Amino acid sequence: MTIPNPENLPQVEIGLLGGTGLYEIEGIEIFETIDLNTPFGQPSDSYIIGGLEGKKVAFLARHGKGHTLTPSDINYRANIYGFKKLGVTRVISTNCVGSLKEDLRPRDIVFADQFFDRTRRKNSFFGEGIAAHVGFAHPVCPELSGLLFSAGQELGVRCHLGGTYICIEGPLFSTKAESEIYRSWGCDVIGMTSVTEAKLCKEAEICYSTMNLVTDYDVWHETEETVSIEMILENLRKNIQNAKNIIKKAIISLPEDRGTKCDCGQALANCIVTNPDLLSQEAKERLSLFIWKYIR
């Protein structure tokens, strides 16, 4: 089995996953827009292929054009599969989050490195005739997150390296009781998307880092303004420029190959437990992008 690219697609180094407008980074050159089909259905939107600081990048709006998809409606598996199909080895994700800690202020950026999953959605490529159990103790790529954090520090952006992201199903925000419980569990930020992306990137052997743009204090804070969509969008608008600047600066320093701090490219090694002789041709074809190194 060899790496398939039967559609002769352009091969891209870095995936940018976020809201519409993230690809409007100063200096980016847009090459083309590509619509992809996957065995898991349609991605959220077209992939915008471009060049940035000498790197080839692919941008995807996770919520679709005009933000038409709720966190529960997003086809996460198709989104990450599409990046894999384009040859992406690193995904930089931007997510707006609520803060569960006093010192994580609105318009800060948190590079979470742990997750607590409270969702009820499809979060694995495996099943339906092929089983694998991938380690998830370290959900994000330390090398990629470290480079992004360092870029933020050099730019003077208030950033935090590490922290626990609790992911709820949404689309409703938390009750005050839920928010207080999440705080008592030691969680740092709360969102609705990132953990699912992290799990799928891990299975796809793609480096993943999440830039959490703090927009509010969730609903636990007694003296801050009540959370509203207007507040969130305003703080997100002001913070997205910082995120763009960090991405642009970090991309310059990304090594050509994934470094020694990163074992994301071997995440599936020794994790496929199904007897190869029992794999159907359909299962092999569905996941050939992922298993070609391990099942021949």
Protein backbone atom coordinates (compact mmCIF):
# COMPACT_ATOMS: atom_id res chain seq x y z
CA MET A 1 0.00 0.00 0.00
CA THR A 2 1.38 3.44 -0.95
CA ILE A 3 0.27 6.93 -0.01
CA PRO A 4 -2.66 7.65 -2.30
CA ASN A 5 -3.04 10.97 -4.10
CA PRO A 6 -5.17 9.81 -7.03
CA GLU A 7 -6.66 13.27 -7.56
CA ASN A 8 -3.20 14.84 -7.94
CA LEU A 9 -4.04 17.41 -5.28
CA PRO A 10 -1.60 20.16 -4.27
CA GLN A 11 0.38 19.10 -1.23
CA VAL A 12 0.38 21.62 1.61
CA GLU A 13 2.54 21.89 4.76
CA ILE A 14 0.35 23.72 7.26
CA GLY A 15 -3.38 23.75 7.94
CA LEU A 16 -5.05 26.83 9.43
CA LEU A 17 -8.37 26.04 11.08
CA GLY A 18 -10.54 28.83 12.38
CA GLY A 19 -13.17 31.41 11.64
CA THR A 20 -13.76 33.21 8.38
CA GLY A 21 -11.18 35.96 7.99
CA LEU A 22 -8.25 34.12 9.56
CA TYR A 23 -6.74 33.61 6.11
CA GLU A 24 -6.73 37.40 5.58
CA ILE A 25 -3.21 37.58 6.98
CA GLU A 26 -1.02 40.37 5.65
CA GLY A 27 1.35 38.96 3.06
CA ILE A 28 -0.61 35.80 2.24
CA GLU A 29 -0.88 34.90 -1.43
CA ILE A 30 -4.03 32.97 -2.38
CA PHE A 31 -3.36 30.31 -5.03
CA GLU A 32 -6.63 28.42 -5.39
CA THR A 33 -9.77 27.15 -3.70
CA ILE A 34 -10.41 23.40 -3.55
CA ASP A 35 -13.57 21.44 -2.73
CA LEU A 36 -12.85 17.96 -1.39
CA ASN A 37 -14.86 14.78 -0.97
CA THR A 38 -13.98 12.41 1.86
CA PRO A 39 -15.18 8.98 3.01
CA PHE A 40 -16.70 10.82 5.98
CA GLY A 41 -18.73 13.32 3.99
CA GLN A 42 -18.24 16.97 3.11
CA PRO A 43 -15.89 19.30 5.03
CA SER A 44 -17.27 22.52 6.47
CA ASP A 45 -16.20 24.58 3.47
CA SER A 46 -13.74 24.83 0.61
CA TYR A 47 -10.02 24.75 1.41
CA ILE A 48 -8.24 27.97 0.51
CA ILE A 49 -4.69 27.21 -0.62
CA GLY A 50 -2.06 29.92 -0.36
CA GLY A 51 1.50 30.87 0.42
CA LEU A 52 2.67 32.55 3.62
CA GLU A 53 6.28 33.29 4.59
CA GLY A 54 7.55 30.72 2.12
CA LYS A 55 5.24 27.97 3.37
CA LYS A 56 2.27 26.47 1.59
CA VAL A 57 -0.85 26.68 3.76
CA ALA A 58 -4.47 25.55 3.59
CA PHE A 59 -7.19 27.45 5.41
CA LEU A 60 -10.57 26.01 6.39
CA ALA A 61 -13.46 27.86 8.03
CA ARG A 62 -14.69 25.29 10.55
CA HIS A 63 -18.18 26.79 10.81
CA GLY A 64 -18.59 27.25 7.06
CA LYS A 65 -19.17 30.39 5.02
CA GLY A 66 -21.05 32.94 7.08
CA HIS A 67 -20.82 30.75 10.21
CA THR A 68 -23.70 28.43 9.31
CA LEU A 69 -22.62 25.41 11.37
CA THR A 70 -22.97 25.02 15.15
CA PRO A 71 -20.24 23.07 16.99
CA SER A 72 -22.52 20.00 16.95
CA ASP A 73 -23.11 20.29 13.18
CA ILE A 74 -19.44 20.45 12.14
CA ASN A 75 -18.18 17.40 10.27
CA TYR A 76 -14.90 17.21 12.18
CA ARG A 77 -13.82 13.93 10.60
CA ALA A 78 -14.22 15.29 7.07
CA ASN A 79 -12.37 18.50 7.99
CA ILE A 80 -9.29 16.71 9.32
CA TYR A 81 -9.39 14.04 6.64
CA GLY A 82 -9.34 16.84 4.06
CA PHE A 83 -6.21 18.33 5.61
CA LYS A 84 -4.58 14.89 5.56
CA LYS A 85 -5.56 14.47 1.91
CA LEU A 86 -3.76 17.74 1.14
CA GLY A 87 -0.58 16.46 2.81
CA VAL A 88 -0.84 18.73 5.86
CA THR A 89 1.47 17.69 8.73
CA ARG A 90 0.71 20.58 11.11
CA VAL A 91 -2.65 22.16 12.01
CA ILE A 92 -2.85 25.48 13.83
CA SER A 93 -6.33 25.98 15.24
CA THR A 94 -7.82 29.19 16.60
CA ASN A 95 -10.79 28.91 18.97
CA CYS A 96 -12.70 31.47 21.00
CA VAL A 97 -13.09 30.38 24.63
CA GLY A 98 -14.43 31.53 27.95
CA SER A 99 -12.05 31.89 30.89
CA LEU A 100 -12.51 29.89 34.09
CA LYS A 101 -9.63 31.61 35.89
CA GLU A 102 -9.29 35.19 37.12
CA ASP A 103 -5.82 35.65 35.63
CA LEU A 104 -6.87 34.50 32.15
CA ARG A 105 -8.38 37.74 30.96
CA PRO A 106 -10.49 38.54 27.91
CA ARG A 107 -8.22 39.09 24.88
CA ASP A 108 -5.51 36.84 26.33
CA ILE A 109 -4.38 33.83 24.28
CA VAL A 110 -4.08 30.43 25.97
CA PHE A 111 -2.18 27.56 24.36
CA ALA A 112 -4.05 24.73 26.11
CA ASP A 113 -2.21 21.42 26.36
CA GLN A 114 -4.87 19.27 28.07
CA PHE A 115 -8.55 18.58 27.48
CA PHE A 116 -11.65 17.38 29.30
CA ASP A 117 -14.24 16.09 26.84
CA ARG A 118 -17.94 16.59 27.63
CA THR A 119 -19.15 16.19 24.03
CA ARG A 120 -21.30 13.49 22.44
CA ARG A 121 -20.05 13.44 18.86
CA LYS A 122 -18.09 11.23 16.48
CA ASN A 123 -14.46 11.80 17.41
CA SER A 124 -12.57 8.90 15.81
CA PHE A 125 -11.79 7.71 12.30
CA PHE A 126 -11.74 4.13 13.51
CA GLY A 127 -14.57 1.62 13.83
CA GLU A 128 -16.67 -0.07 11.15
CA GLY A 129 -14.28 -2.96 10.64
CA ILE A 130 -10.99 -1.54 11.91
CA ALA A 131 -10.07 -0.80 15.52
CA ALA A 132 -7.21 1.30 16.88
CA HIS A 133 -6.47 2.78 20.31
CA VAL A 134 -4.19 5.80 20.08
CA GLY A 135 -2.51 7.36 23.11
CA PHE A 136 -3.91 10.77 24.02
CA ALA A 137 -2.06 11.60 27.23
CA HIS A 138 -0.38 14.52 25.46
CA PRO A 139 -3.04 15.88 23.10
CA VAL A 140 -1.18 18.76 21.44
CA CYS A 141 2.20 19.03 19.76
CA PRO A 142 4.67 20.57 22.25
CA GLU A 143 6.99 21.78 19.50
CA LEU A 144 4.26 23.57 17.55
CA SER A 145 2.63 25.08 20.65
CA GLY A 146 6.01 26.19 21.98
CA LEU A 147 6.90 27.99 18.75
CA LEU A 148 3.52 29.76 18.66
CA PHE A 149 3.80 30.77 22.32
CA SER A 150 7.33 32.13 21.79
CA ALA A 151 6.12 34.13 18.79
CA GLY A 152 3.35 35.62 20.93
CA GLN A 153 5.80 36.58 23.65
CA GLU A 154 8.14 38.25 21.17
CA LEU A 155 5.20 40.25 19.82
CA GLY A 156 4.23 41.38 23.32
CA VAL A 157 0.89 39.55 23.30
CA ARG A 158 -0.39 38.38 26.69
CA CYS A 159 -0.11 34.59 26.25
CA HIS A 160 -0.21 31.54 28.51
CA LEU A 161 1.49 28.22 27.70
CA GLY A 162 -0.47 25.23 29.00
CA GLY A 163 -3.86 24.79 30.59
CA THR A 164 -6.91 22.54 30.49
CA TYR A 165 -9.65 23.16 27.92
CA ILE A 166 -13.04 21.70 28.82
CA CYS A 167 -15.07 21.07 25.69
CA ILE A 168 -18.87 21.12 25.98
CA GLU A 169 -21.33 20.08 23.31
CA GLY A 170 -23.05 23.45 22.93
CA PRO A 171 -24.42 25.39 21.23
CA LEU A 172 -25.84 26.81 24.49
CA PHE A 173 -23.40 28.33 26.96
CA SER A 174 -23.00 26.85 30.46
CA THR A 175 -25.27 27.35 33.42
CA LYS A 176 -23.66 29.08 36.40
CA ALA A 177 -23.68 25.77 38.29
CA GLU A 178 -21.85 24.00 35.46
CA SER A 179 -19.33 26.82 35.19
CA GLU A 180 -18.54 26.63 38.91
CA ILE A 181 -18.14 22.84 38.74
CA TYR A 182 -15.73 23.12 35.81
CA ARG A 183 -13.72 25.64 37.82
CA SER A 184 -13.63 23.26 40.80
CA TRP A 185 -12.25 20.56 38.49
CA GLY A 186 -9.26 22.78 37.70
CA CYS A 187 -10.21 23.61 34.11
CA ASP A 188 -8.81 26.83 32.68
CA VAL A 189 -10.87 27.63 29.59
CA ILE A 190 -14.14 26.42 28.10
CA GLY A 191 -15.08 25.94 24.46
CA MET A 192 -17.05 23.74 22.08
CA THR A 193 -14.72 22.53 19.31
CA SER A 194 -11.04 21.95 20.01
CA VAL A 195 -10.91 18.54 21.71
CA THR A 196 -12.59 16.80 18.77
CA GLU A 197 -10.09 18.30 16.35
CA ALA A 198 -7.20 17.31 18.62
CA LYS A 199 -8.35 13.68 18.80
CA LEU A 200 -8.73 13.36 15.05
CA CYS A 201 -5.39 15.06 14.33
CA LYS A 202 -3.71 12.64 16.73
CA GLU A 203 -5.18 9.65 14.88
CA ALA A 204 -4.20 11.23 11.55
CA GLU A 205 -0.62 11.76 12.83
CA ILE A 206 -0.91 15.51 12.31
CA CYS A 207 0.71 17.93 14.76
CA TYR A 208 -2.00 20.03 16.42
CA SER A 209 -1.92 23.21 18.45
CA THR A 210 -4.88 25.25 19.66
CA MET A 211 -4.72 29.02 20.11
CA ASN A 212 -7.54 29.80 22.54
CA LEU A 213 -8.66 33.42 22.19
CA VAL A 214 -10.28 34.40 25.49
CA THR A 215 -13.44 36.42 24.85
CA ASP A 216 -15.17 36.42 28.26
CA TYR A 217 -15.23 35.03 31.82
CA ASP A 218 -17.96 32.48 31.04
CA VAL A 219 -20.82 33.01 33.54
CA TRP A 220 -19.09 32.38 36.88
CA HIS A 221 -17.64 35.87 37.35
CA GLU A 222 -19.84 38.04 39.57
CA THR A 223 -18.41 41.47 38.70
CA GLU A 224 -17.79 41.16 34.97
CA GLU A 225 -20.33 41.86 32.25
CA THR A 226 -22.81 39.05 31.54
CA VAL A 227 -21.69 36.88 28.64
CA SER A 228 -23.32 37.85 25.35
CA ILE A 229 -22.65 37.04 21.73
CA GLU A 230 -21.99 40.75 21.11
CA MET A 231 -19.23 40.78 23.75
CA ILE A 232 -17.71 37.60 22.41
CA LEU A 233 -17.60 38.83 18.83
CA GLU A 234 -16.12 42.20 19.80
CA ASN A 235 -13.34 40.65 21.87
CA LEU A 236 -12.72 38.05 19.18
CA ARG A 237 -12.42 40.79 16.55
CA LYS A 238 -9.80 42.58 18.64
CA ASN A 239 -7.86 39.38 19.39
CA ILE A 240 -7.90 37.83 15.93
CA GLN A 241 -5.28 40.30 14.70
CA ASN A 242 -2.93 39.08 17.45
CA ALA A 243 -3.57 35.51 16.35
CA LYS A 244 -2.76 36.38 12.73
CA ASN A 245 0.49 38.09 13.75
CA ILE A 246 1.52 35.11 15.89
CA ILE A 247 0.82 32.63 13.09
CA LYS A 248 2.77 34.69 10.58
CA LYS A 249 5.79 35.02 12.88
CA ALA A 250 5.75 31.37 14.04
CA ILE A 251 5.53 29.96 10.52
CA ILE A 252 8.90 31.52 9.71
CA SER A 253 10.60 29.56 12.50
CA LEU A 254 8.91 26.21 11.85
CA PRO A 255 11.55 23.60 11.03
CA GLU A 256 11.22 21.86 7.69
CA ASP A 257 10.84 18.50 9.40
CA ARG A 258 9.05 17.80 12.65
CA GLY A 259 11.59 17.94 15.47
CA THR A 260 12.73 15.58 18.21
CA LYS A 261 10.22 17.03 20.71
CA CYS A 262 7.40 15.78 18.51
CA ASP A 263 6.29 12.18 18.01
CA CYS A 264 2.96 13.11 16.38
CA GLY A 265 4.05 11.52 13.11
CA GLN A 266 4.18 8.07 14.74
CA ALA A 267 1.01 8.29 16.85
CA LEU A 268 -0.57 5.25 15.16
CA ALA A 269 2.46 2.98 15.49
CA ASN A 270 1.47 -0.30 17.19
CA CYS A 271 -2.05 1.04 17.86
CA ILE A 272 -4.05 -0.80 15.20
CA VAL A 273 -5.37 -3.94 16.91
CA THR A 274 -7.44 -5.50 14.12
CA ASN A 275 -5.86 -8.53 12.46
CA PRO A 276 -4.75 -7.29 9.01
CA ASP A 277 -6.06 -10.50 7.46
CA LEU A 278 -9.56 -9.60 8.63
CA LEU A 279 -9.63 -6.09 7.21
CA SER A 280 -12.10 -5.57 4.42
CA GLN A 281 -11.00 -3.82 1.25
CA GLU A 282 -13.50 -1.08 2.05
CA ALA A 283 -11.92 -0.43 5.47
CA LYS A 284 -8.43 -0.37 3.95
CA GLU A 285 -9.47 2.11 1.29
CA ARG A 286 -11.37 4.32 3.74
CA LEU A 287 -8.31 4.77 5.98
CA SER A 288 -5.48 4.22 3.53
CA LEU A 289 -4.21 7.76 4.15
CA PHE A 290 -3.59 6.83 7.80
CA ILE A 291 -2.66 3.13 7.79
CA TRP A 292 -0.48 2.82 4.70
CA LYS A 293 2.72 2.76 6.81
CA TYR A 294 1.45 0.02 9.10
CA ILE A 295 -0.67 -2.32 6.98
CA ARG A 296 0.69 -3.35 3.59
